[in-house]
Amino acid sequence: MPADTVSVTGWGRTAPSAARLVRPRTFEEAALAVRGCGARGGIARGLGRAYGDAAQNAGGEVFDMTGLDRIHAIDADGGTVLCDAGVSLHRLMEVLLPLGWFVPVTPGTRYVTVGGAIGADIHGKNHHVSGSFARHVLSFELLTADGQVRTVVPGTPLFEATAGGMGLTGVILTATVRLQPVRTSWMSVDTERASDLDGLMARLADTDHRYRYSVAWIDLLARGKATGRAVLTRGDHAPLEALPRSARREPLSFRTSRLPAAPSFVPEGLLSRTTVGLFNELWFRKAPRARTGELQRIPAFFHPLDGVPHWNRIYGRGGFVQYQFVVGHGREETLRRIVRRISERRCPSFLAVLKRFGDADPGWLSFPVPGWTLALDIPASLPGLGAFLDELDEEVADAGGRVYLAKDSRLRPELLAAMYPRLDDFRALRAELDPRGVFTSDLSRRLCL
């Protein structure tokens, strides 16, 4: 198998570590790679879109699973697909949309593998309706530390430990996923401005049930009466009759566009409070006060940043921290207080989104719980950032909330048990299934998972 010692980072480009990158092309090669792990163990990696250190393994093995990328079977009548774990959501959209099917859940990028979607139990703009990705997985095949390939189904401890388990129970080889039926590849989108955080939260709470997809971009540099002002975007898959006549000839075509890639070198400090503040002001002002029924292509609605290759470079060599937390219903004051603190500290974040989560998902380490989730990006070089986020972690934990492990790169391990009540169950199953610690990562060592 091809293998090189390389420096590996997450999408945030912080804390790189060197590992031996192994590229299996068959299930047999994947099994050989697992059996051949050294003392530092190994971890599966997809397209590298986890923001932190979940798919890194300093001094050990990293299994690049993107070579296992076959779509084995599509049930175009029943709406299911059986595919390798290395297949990307982008590839699934290319193949499935012309057949009238869409992935059940997608995050803000379609360049995520199916294995990564299960391991991180990804969520999207439709969590309040559809839950997270693992809720739509009918079964998967898991290569465990003893070399066995197990068929894992919902409702079993191994399924619940693997969904959101960050690759620490084994290597996912294939998965069968239930799909979402659609009639077109267009979205019907409603957009409106909210002048402050309370107004935004009221609109989300009162009207989310009318939409399958809902998300708000929030200005975290606005202060005073404008604190938490936002642009609220909601929508659903457009019916055929909503399309103009010209688009009805190919209603299910999947078209993407790409802008020039971000340069490999970006000067430090480009994303300062001044530049981000200007961007946020322009973004808020250009949004319509209220607009309904706008037609947007799927990539524009779900994945606007995918059109800019390597957009993570704009933060400079120091990279950035993506911080996402959730607090439950009834804990709105905690959310308000954190938004005020971020605003008062003038954290230069231009990618900040607020969503509402629906029912919790079964994964023991799955992130979503019913409530409010805020995600924001912050340049890692911001002075005092670590101590500030530590304080926010404590507020979140005290409120019964949690941070998202797929985006984390700096959480203190002593807070983890308060955030994830099933942590001991996860550790116990992992110890039984993998007593030698074959599957390990920088994240698992940092958080004592």
Protein backbone atom coordinates (compact mmCIF):
# COMPACT_ATOMS: atom_id res chain seq x y z
CA MET A 1 0.00 0.00 0.00
CA PRO A 2 1.22 3.54 -0.66
CA ALA A 3 2.40 5.15 2.58
CA ASP A 4 4.30 8.33 3.46
CA THR A 5 5.19 10.14 6.64
CA VAL A 6 3.42 13.48 6.37
CA SER A 7 2.31 16.42 8.49
CA VAL A 8 -1.44 16.22 9.10
CA THR A 9 -3.83 18.91 10.32
CA GLY A 10 -7.54 19.45 10.56
CA TRP A 11 -9.40 21.99 8.44
CA GLY A 12 -8.57 24.67 11.00
CA ARG A 13 -4.85 24.16 10.25
CA THR A 14 -3.82 24.24 13.90
CA ALA A 15 -1.60 21.80 15.83
CA PRO A 16 -0.17 19.75 12.94
CA SER A 17 1.32 16.36 13.79
CA ALA A 18 3.38 13.88 11.77
CA ALA A 19 1.96 10.45 11.01
CA ARG A 20 2.41 7.61 8.55
CA LEU A 21 -0.36 8.05 5.98
CA VAL A 22 -1.54 4.69 4.62
CA ARG A 23 -3.84 4.53 1.59
CA PRO A 24 -5.81 1.25 1.43
CA ARG A 25 -7.62 0.55 -1.84
CA THR A 26 -9.50 -2.59 -0.78
CA PHE A 27 -11.15 -3.90 2.37
CA GLU A 28 -8.35 -6.46 2.63
CA GLU A 29 -5.73 -3.72 2.56
CA ALA A 30 -7.64 -1.82 5.23
CA ALA A 31 -7.56 -4.91 7.44
CA LEU A 32 -3.82 -5.31 6.81
CA ALA A 33 -3.25 -1.67 7.75
CA VAL A 34 -5.12 -2.11 11.03
CA ARG A 35 -3.25 -5.31 11.88
CA GLY A 36 0.05 -3.62 11.03
CA CYS A 37 -0.41 -0.68 13.38
CA GLY A 38 2.48 0.08 15.68
CA ALA A 39 2.38 1.12 19.32
CA ARG A 40 0.84 4.51 18.49
CA GLY A 41 -2.16 2.93 16.80
CA GLY A 42 -4.14 4.31 13.87
CA ILE A 43 -7.20 6.36 12.94
CA ALA A 44 -9.34 6.57 9.79
CA ARG A 45 -9.40 9.82 7.84
CA GLY A 46 -11.66 10.97 5.04
CA LEU A 47 -11.43 14.32 3.27
CA GLY A 48 -9.95 16.14 6.26
CA ARG A 49 -12.89 18.45 7.02
CA ALA A 50 -12.90 17.87 10.79
CA TYR A 51 -11.69 21.23 12.05
CA GLY A 52 -9.56 19.97 14.93
CA ASP A 53 -7.38 16.93 15.65
CA ALA A 54 -9.91 14.08 15.36
CA ALA A 55 -8.26 12.60 12.24
CA GLN A 56 -4.64 13.10 13.34
CA ASN A 57 -2.39 10.61 15.09
CA ALA A 58 1.06 11.88 16.04
CA GLY A 59 3.71 9.22 15.55
CA GLY A 60 1.20 6.58 14.44
CA GLU A 61 -0.85 5.60 11.42
CA VAL A 62 -3.56 7.54 9.61
CA PHE A 63 -5.70 5.53 7.19
CA ASP A 64 -6.71 7.59 4.16
CA MET A 65 -10.07 6.00 3.30
CA THR A 66 -10.82 8.04 0.18
CA GLY A 67 -9.60 5.20 -2.05
CA LEU A 68 -12.58 3.12 -0.94
CA ASP A 69 -15.11 5.11 -2.93
CA ARG A 70 -17.45 2.72 -4.71
CA ILE A 71 -21.22 3.05 -4.85
CA HIS A 72 -22.38 -0.57 -4.73
CA ALA A 73 -26.16 -0.37 -5.06
CA ILE A 74 -28.94 2.18 -5.36
CA ASP A 75 -32.57 1.36 -4.66
CA ALA A 76 -34.19 4.06 -6.79
CA ASP A 77 -37.66 2.93 -5.73
CA GLY A 78 -37.12 2.57 -2.01
CA GLY A 79 -34.61 5.41 -1.66
CA THR A 80 -31.50 3.79 -0.21
CA VAL A 81 -27.86 3.62 -1.23
CA LEU A 82 -25.11 1.14 -0.28
CA CYS A 83 -21.66 2.63 -0.66
CA ASP A 84 -18.10 2.55 0.62
CA ALA A 85 -17.22 4.78 3.54
CA GLY A 86 -14.84 6.81 1.37
CA VAL A 87 -17.61 8.05 -0.94
CA SER A 88 -18.17 11.78 -0.52
CA LEU A 89 -21.52 13.50 -0.14
CA HIS A 90 -20.56 15.44 -3.28
CA ARG A 91 -20.33 12.19 -5.24
CA LEU A 92 -23.64 10.97 -3.84
CA MET A 93 -25.31 14.19 -4.96
CA GLU A 94 -23.87 13.84 -8.45
CA VAL A 95 -25.25 10.32 -8.78
CA LEU A 96 -28.48 10.50 -6.80
CA LEU A 97 -29.98 13.87 -7.66
CA PRO A 98 -30.73 12.92 -11.29
CA LEU A 99 -32.66 9.95 -9.84
CA GLY A 100 -34.77 12.20 -7.60
CA TRP A 101 -32.95 11.56 -4.31
CA PHE A 102 -30.89 13.75 -1.99
CA VAL A 103 -28.67 13.00 1.01
CA PRO A 104 -30.74 13.07 4.22
CA VAL A 105 -28.37 15.41 6.06
CA THR A 106 -25.54 17.63 4.85
CA PRO A 107 -23.32 19.99 6.81
CA GLY A 108 -21.89 23.23 5.40
CA THR A 109 -19.60 21.29 3.05
CA ARG A 110 -20.40 18.41 0.71
CA TYR A 111 -16.74 17.31 0.78
CA VAL A 112 -17.33 14.91 3.65
CA THR A 113 -17.12 11.14 3.35
CA VAL A 114 -19.94 8.85 4.43
CA GLY A 115 -17.63 7.29 7.02
CA GLY A 116 -16.79 10.71 8.39
CA ALA A 117 -20.47 11.66 8.42
CA ILE A 118 -21.20 8.68 10.67
CA GLY A 119 -18.08 9.04 12.83
CA ALA A 120 -18.87 12.69 13.55
CA ASP A 121 -22.65 12.14 13.35
CA ILE A 122 -22.90 15.31 11.31
CA HIS A 123 -25.90 17.61 11.43
CA GLY A 124 -27.24 20.24 9.07
CA LYS A 125 -29.84 22.95 8.69
CA ASN A 126 -32.61 20.37 9.02
CA HIS A 127 -31.81 18.88 12.42
CA HIS A 128 -35.04 20.20 13.92
CA VAL A 129 -36.86 18.03 11.35
CA SER A 130 -34.54 15.18 10.38
CA GLY A 131 -32.00 14.77 13.15
CA SER A 132 -28.37 13.93 12.46
CA PHE A 133 -26.84 11.71 9.79
CA ALA A 134 -26.71 8.48 11.78
CA ARG A 135 -30.49 8.55 12.22
CA HIS A 136 -30.74 7.71 8.50
CA VAL A 137 -28.13 4.93 8.49
CA LEU A 138 -29.74 1.50 8.19
CA SER A 139 -26.51 -0.43 8.77
CA PHE A 140 -22.76 -0.22 8.33
CA GLU A 141 -19.82 -2.60 8.22
CA LEU A 142 -17.18 -1.93 10.84
CA LEU A 143 -13.62 -3.28 10.87
CA THR A 144 -12.76 -3.67 14.56
CA ALA A 145 -9.41 -4.01 16.31
CA ASP A 146 -9.60 -7.82 16.37
CA GLY A 147 -9.72 -7.91 12.56
CA GLN A 148 -13.40 -8.81 12.37
CA VAL A 149 -15.82 -7.06 10.04
CA ARG A 150 -19.09 -6.61 11.90
CA THR A 151 -22.45 -5.60 10.48
CA VAL A 152 -23.78 -2.95 12.84
CA VAL A 153 -27.42 -1.85 12.99
CA PRO A 154 -29.28 0.88 14.91
CA GLY A 155 -30.33 0.18 18.46
CA THR A 156 -27.17 -1.71 19.38
CA PRO A 157 -24.43 -0.46 21.71
CA LEU A 158 -21.82 -0.63 18.94
CA PHE A 159 -23.96 1.52 16.64
CA GLU A 160 -24.52 4.10 19.39
CA ALA A 161 -20.83 4.18 20.28
CA THR A 162 -19.72 4.53 16.65
CA ALA A 163 -22.23 7.25 15.67
CA GLY A 164 -20.35 10.33 16.86
CA GLY A 165 -17.53 8.16 18.22
CA MET A 166 -14.88 9.94 16.11
CA GLY A 167 -13.52 6.76 14.56
CA LEU A 168 -12.44 5.24 17.86
CA THR A 169 -14.48 2.02 17.65
CA GLY A 170 -13.08 0.91 14.30
CA VAL A 171 -12.91 1.65 10.59
CA ILE A 172 -16.25 1.99 8.80
CA LEU A 173 -16.04 0.16 5.46
CA THR A 174 -19.52 0.46 3.95
CA ALA A 175 -22.88 1.96 4.89
CA THR A 176 -26.50 1.72 3.78
CA VAL A 177 -28.22 5.10 4.01
CA ARG A 178 -31.87 6.12 3.64
CA LEU A 179 -32.33 9.08 1.25
CA GLN A 180 -34.56 12.13 0.94
CA PRO A 181 -36.89 12.28 -2.10
CA VAL A 182 -36.81 15.51 -4.15
CA ARG A 183 -38.46 16.61 -7.39
CA THR A 184 -35.89 19.24 -8.38
CA SER A 185 -32.32 20.29 -7.62
CA TRP A 186 -33.51 23.77 -6.61
CA MET A 187 -34.37 25.28 -3.26
CA SER A 188 -37.20 27.67 -2.49
CA VAL A 189 -35.68 30.12 -0.01
CA ASP A 190 -37.07 32.77 2.33
CA THR A 191 -34.64 35.37 3.70
CA GLU A 192 -35.16 38.11 6.27
CA ARG A 193 -33.17 40.30 8.61
CA ALA A 194 -33.42 40.24 12.40
CA SER A 195 -32.34 43.40 14.17
CA ASP A 196 -31.16 41.70 17.38
CA LEU A 197 -30.69 38.34 19.06
CA ASP A 198 -34.04 38.26 20.86
CA GLY A 199 -35.91 38.96 17.64
CA LEU A 200 -33.94 36.25 15.87
CA MET A 201 -34.61 33.64 18.55
CA ALA A 202 -38.31 34.47 18.61
CA ARG A 203 -38.61 33.99 14.85
CA LEU A 204 -36.73 30.70 14.94
CA ALA A 205 -38.82 29.37 17.81
CA ASP A 206 -42.12 30.48 16.31
CA THR A 207 -41.68 29.48 12.67
CA ASP A 208 -39.01 26.77 12.33
CA HIS A 209 -41.70 24.10 12.08
CA ARG A 210 -42.76 25.53 8.72
CA TYR A 211 -39.40 24.83 7.08
CA ARG A 212 -37.25 21.76 6.51
CA TYR A 213 -34.04 23.83 6.54
CA SER A 214 -33.28 26.81 8.74
CA VAL A 215 -30.13 28.72 9.69
CA ALA A 216 -29.14 32.23 10.72
CA TRP A 217 -25.90 34.06 9.98
CA ILE A 218 -25.21 36.19 13.04
CA ASP A 219 -23.06 39.31 13.38
CA LEU A 220 -20.94 38.73 16.50
CA LEU A 221 -19.22 42.11 16.21
CA ALA A 222 -22.45 44.12 16.50
CA ARG A 223 -22.96 45.69 19.93
CA GLY A 224 -25.54 47.58 21.92
CA LYS A 225 -29.11 47.30 20.66
CA ALA A 226 -27.83 45.51 17.54
CA THR A 227 -26.15 42.68 19.48
CA GLY A 228 -26.87 39.43 17.70
CA ARG A 229 -28.39 40.97 14.60
CA ALA A 230 -28.69 38.35 11.91
CA VAL A 231 -29.79 37.23 8.48
CA LEU A 232 -32.24 34.35 8.73
CA THR A 233 -32.41 31.93 5.79
CA ARG A 234 -34.97 29.14 5.56
CA GLY A 235 -36.18 26.91 2.78
CA ASP A 236 -37.21 23.60 1.32
CA HIS A 237 -36.73 21.65 -1.88
CA ALA A 238 -38.60 23.43 -4.65
CA PRO A 239 -41.45 21.60 -6.40
CA LEU A 240 -41.40 21.26 -10.17
CA GLU A 241 -44.16 23.82 -10.66
CA ALA A 242 -42.09 26.51 -8.89
CA LEU A 243 -39.36 26.39 -11.56
CA PRO A 244 -39.36 28.68 -14.58
CA ARG A 245 -40.13 26.94 -17.88
CA SER A 246 -36.47 26.92 -18.94
CA ALA A 247 -35.40 25.04 -15.80
CA ARG A 248 -38.10 22.38 -16.08
CA ARG A 249 -36.31 20.67 -18.96
CA GLU A 250 -33.58 19.45 -16.58
CA PRO A 251 -35.11 19.90 -13.12
CA LEU A 252 -32.73 17.49 -11.38
CA SER A 253 -29.41 18.57 -12.87
CA PHE A 254 -26.63 19.11 -10.33
CA ARG A 255 -24.46 22.07 -11.24
CA THR A 256 -21.61 23.51 -9.24
CA SER A 257 -19.30 26.45 -9.76
CA ARG A 258 -15.80 27.14 -8.50
CA LEU A 259 -14.02 30.41 -7.90
CA PRO A 260 -10.21 30.70 -7.88
CA ALA A 261 -8.58 28.97 -4.93
CA ALA A 262 -7.43 30.98 -1.95
CA PRO A 263 -3.69 31.71 -2.25
CA SER A 264 -1.28 29.43 -0.44
CA PHE A 265 0.14 32.41 1.46
CA VAL A 266 -2.11 34.92 3.19
CA PRO A 267 -0.59 37.62 5.41
CA GLU A 268 -1.33 37.34 9.11
CA GLY A 269 -3.91 39.76 10.43
CA LEU A 270 -5.95 39.92 7.23
CA LEU A 271 -9.06 38.98 9.21
CA SER A 272 -8.88 41.73 11.79
CA ARG A 273 -11.71 43.32 13.76
CA THR A 274 -11.74 46.13 11.21
CA THR A 275 -11.92 43.98 8.07
CA VAL A 276 -14.39 41.49 9.54
CA GLY A 277 -16.49 44.32 10.93
CA LEU A 278 -16.68 45.87 7.47
CA PHE A 279 -17.60 42.53 5.91
CA ASN A 280 -20.31 41.91 8.50
CA GLU A 281 -21.79 45.35 7.97
CA LEU A 282 -21.93 44.87 4.21
CA TRP A 283 -23.32 41.35 4.50
CA PHE A 284 -26.11 42.46 6.81
CA ARG A 285 -27.00 45.53 4.74
CA LYS A 286 -27.10 43.70 1.43
CA ALA A 287 -29.53 41.08 2.74
CA PRO A 288 -33.19 41.76 1.96
CA ARG A 289 -35.40 42.90 4.80
CA ALA A 290 -37.80 40.16 3.73
CA ARG A 291 -37.87 38.02 0.60
CA THR A 292 -39.82 34.83 -0.07
CA GLY A 293 -39.66 32.08 -2.65
CA GLU A 294 -36.25 32.84 -4.13
CA LEU A 295 -34.93 29.93 -6.19
CA GLN A 296 -31.38 28.85 -5.39
CA ARG A 297 -29.29 25.95 -6.60
CA ILE A 298 -28.47 23.32 -3.98
CA PRO A 299 -24.74 24.24 -3.82
CA ALA A 300 -25.55 27.94 -3.26
CA PHE A 301 -27.99 27.18 -0.45
CA PHE A 302 -26.09 24.45 1.39
CA HIS A 303 -22.40 24.85 0.50
CA PRO A 304 -21.47 28.39 -0.59
CA LEU A 305 -17.90 28.09 0.70
CA ASP A 306 -17.25 24.94 -1.33
CA GLY A 307 -17.03 27.20 -4.35
CA VAL A 308 -13.76 28.63 -2.99
CA PRO A 309 -11.13 25.86 -2.89
CA HIS A 310 -8.89 25.97 0.21
CA TRP A 311 -10.88 28.81 1.76
CA ASN A 312 -9.38 27.89 5.13
CA ARG A 313 -6.11 29.50 4.00
CA ILE A 314 -7.54 33.01 4.42
CA TYR A 315 -6.81 32.81 8.15
CA GLY A 316 -3.07 32.71 7.50
CA ARG A 317 -0.50 30.22 8.69
CA GLY A 318 -1.79 30.29 12.25
CA GLY A 319 -5.10 28.80 11.19
CA PHE A 320 -8.37 29.21 13.02
CA VAL A 321 -10.50 27.71 15.75
CA GLN A 322 -14.04 26.66 14.93
CA TYR A 323 -16.00 26.76 18.18
CA GLN A 324 -19.46 25.21 18.34
CA PHE A 325 -21.59 24.59 21.40
CA VAL A 326 -25.19 23.73 22.19
CA VAL A 327 -27.33 24.64 25.19
CA GLY A 328 -30.78 23.26 25.84
CA HIS A 329 -34.16 24.91 25.73
CA GLY A 330 -34.67 26.91 28.91
CA ARG A 331 -31.00 27.96 28.83
CA GLU A 332 -31.50 30.89 26.46
CA GLU A 333 -29.95 33.30 28.94
CA THR A 334 -26.67 31.37 28.71
CA LEU A 335 -26.74 31.80 24.93
CA ARG A 336 -27.48 35.52 25.27
CA ARG A 337 -24.67 35.96 27.77
CA ILE A 338 -22.14 34.15 25.58
CA VAL A 339 -23.13 36.19 22.51
CA ARG A 340 -22.70 39.39 24.53
CA ARG A 341 -19.30 38.26 25.78
CA ILE A 342 -18.09 37.44 22.27
CA SER A 343 -19.41 40.77 21.01
CA GLU A 344 -17.81 42.76 23.84
CA ARG A 345 -14.49 41.02 23.30
CA ARG A 346 -14.66 41.92 19.61
CA CYS A 347 -13.87 38.44 18.32
CA PRO A 348 -13.44 38.82 14.53
CA SER A 349 -15.77 36.10 13.27
CA PHE A 350 -17.45 36.36 9.89
CA LEU A 351 -18.61 32.72 9.73
CA ALA A 352 -21.02 32.52 12.66
CA VAL A 353 -24.32 30.65 12.50
CA LEU A 354 -27.15 29.96 14.93
CA LYS A 355 -29.54 27.02 14.58
CA ARG A 356 -32.12 25.13 16.63
CA PHE A 357 -31.71 21.42 17.25
CA GLY A 358 -34.57 18.94 17.50
CA ASP A 359 -34.64 15.66 19.40
CA ALA A 360 -31.34 14.21 20.60
CA ASP A 361 -29.71 11.48 18.55
CA PRO A 362 -28.83 8.03 19.92
CA GLY A 363 -25.04 8.23 19.63
CA TRP A 364 -23.34 8.28 23.01
CA LEU A 365 -20.99 11.03 21.86
CA SER A 366 -23.34 12.61 19.32
CA PHE A 367 -23.33 16.37 19.66
CA PRO A 368 -26.95 17.53 19.10
CA VAL A 369 -29.42 17.86 21.97
CA PRO A 370 -32.68 19.84 21.81
CA GLY A 371 -31.82 23.50 22.04
CA TRP A 372 -29.69 26.21 20.48
CA THR A 373 -26.35 25.77 18.77
CA LEU A 374 -23.92 28.54 17.86
CA ALA A 375 -20.86 27.95 15.67
CA LEU A 376 -18.19 30.55 14.98
CA ASP A 377 -14.71 30.78 13.52
CA ILE A 378 -11.96 32.76 15.24
CA PRO A 379 -8.35 33.30 14.09
CA ALA A 380 -6.17 31.11 16.31
CA SER A 381 -3.67 33.95 16.75
CA LEU A 382 -6.16 36.16 18.61
CA PRO A 383 -4.48 37.11 21.93
CA GLY A 384 -5.95 35.38 24.96
CA LEU A 385 -8.24 33.18 22.88
CA GLY A 386 -7.49 29.96 24.75
CA ALA A 387 -8.36 31.36 28.18
CA PHE A 388 -11.48 33.04 26.82
CA LEU A 389 -12.81 29.86 25.24
CA ASP A 390 -12.02 27.94 28.44
CA GLU A 391 -14.36 30.33 30.24
CA LEU A 392 -17.07 29.78 27.65
CA ASP A 393 -16.63 26.01 27.98
CA GLU A 394 -17.33 26.28 31.69
CA GLU A 395 -20.47 28.32 31.07
CA VAL A 396 -21.67 25.78 28.53
CA ALA A 397 -20.95 22.83 30.84
CA ASP A 398 -22.65 24.54 33.79
CA ALA A 399 -25.74 24.99 31.63
CA GLY A 400 -25.79 21.29 30.73
CA GLY A 401 -24.52 21.95 27.20
CA ARG A 402 -21.60 20.59 25.22
CA VAL A 403 -19.08 21.41 22.51
CA TYR A 404 -18.81 19.58 19.19
CA LEU A 405 -15.89 17.14 19.17
CA ALA A 406 -15.61 17.14 15.36
CA LYS A 407 -14.70 20.83 15.52
CA ASP A 408 -12.78 20.86 18.79
CA SER A 409 -9.04 21.36 19.06
CA ARG A 410 -8.56 22.63 22.63
CA LEU A 411 -11.24 21.47 25.13
CA ARG A 412 -9.96 20.53 28.60
CA PRO A 413 -10.61 16.83 29.36
CA GLU A 414 -12.06 17.45 32.83
CA LEU A 415 -15.14 19.07 31.29
CA LEU A 416 -15.94 16.22 28.95
CA ALA A 417 -17.90 14.03 31.39
CA ALA A 418 -20.19 16.92 32.31
CA MET A 419 -20.91 17.54 28.64
CA TYR A 420 -21.35 13.90 27.55
CA PRO A 421 -23.17 11.83 30.21
CA ARG A 422 -22.63 8.55 28.29
CA LEU A 423 -18.86 9.01 28.27
CA ASP A 424 -18.23 6.17 30.75
CA ASP A 425 -20.31 3.80 28.62
CA PHE A 426 -18.27 4.77 25.58
CA ARG A 427 -14.97 4.24 27.39
CA ALA A 428 -16.10 0.86 28.74
CA LEU A 429 -17.20 -0.44 25.34
CA ARG A 430 -14.04 0.83 23.72
CA ALA A 431 -11.88 -0.87 26.37
CA GLU A 432 -13.70 -4.16 25.78
CA LEU A 433 -13.64 -3.91 22.00
CA ASP A 434 -10.11 -2.53 21.63
CA PRO A 435 -8.08 -3.36 24.78
CA ARG A 436 -4.76 -2.58 23.08
CA GLY A 437 -5.89 0.85 21.96
CA VAL A 438 -5.39 0.16 18.25
CA PHE A 439 -7.69 3.01 17.28
CA THR A 440 -6.39 6.24 18.67
CA SER A 441 -5.98 9.86 17.64
CA ASP A 442 -4.60 13.16 18.85
CA LEU A 443 -8.13 14.00 19.99
CA SER A 444 -8.55 10.77 21.96
CA ARG A 445 -5.22 11.24 23.74
CA ARG A 446 -5.95 14.89 24.51
CA LEU A 447 -9.40 14.16 25.94
CA CYS A 448 -8.61 10.72 27.46
CA LEU A 449 -11.34 9.09 25.40
